[in-house]
Amino acid sequence: MSVFSPAYGGTIELDTVPSDFTGRVERRVESGLFVPGNRSRANYVVCDKSADQIRFMANDFLTAYNIGLNTVVLKRTGQHTITYAGRFWKWAIYAVAQALVIATLVLLALLAVPALREQISSYTWGWLYIGALLVFFGLVWPWILVVIHRRFAARTVERIVRQAVAA
């Protein structure tokens, strides 16, 4: 997994993994992944399920972008362990697209307003500085957000699994 890859994984240690852990997780996904009984902001669907493994994913654009747990696979690997792997490519692509749109709109606004063009041009490095800022926030910043989001996504999956298994 590369530094900027929108993927994460890990292992959850429990006292005992219940024999019906995939059923418990499935019920949690169906009732509301983040707030049981409420699927309005977190619309997930179970894709595959067996006795030892379950895979669920975001079911719509808003869930994929707002939450960022686009695809999650949970697998029983022992009597006391569950491994998880998640990917959030949709979230990453949406973040890059949004940043590029905003950077483009800022550039168009700077070019469209003569007073702004004159102000930037009055500095020797003005346009170079603006260009560097737009490239950074339009292309680099979203991938920094991916790196930051990876840790929060992993913690969220661990919390949800622990709650679902304890229920």
Foldseek 3Di string as FASTA:
>chain_A
DDLLFLKAKDKAFAPFFDQQLQVLLQQCQVQDQPDGNDCPQANKHWDDDDSFKTKMAGDDLNNLQVPQQGIKMWGDPDGGMIMMMTGRPSNLVVQLVVLQVVLVVVVVVCVVDPVSVVVQVVDPCSVVVSVVVSCCSNPVVSSVVSSVVRVVSVVSVNVSSVVSRVD
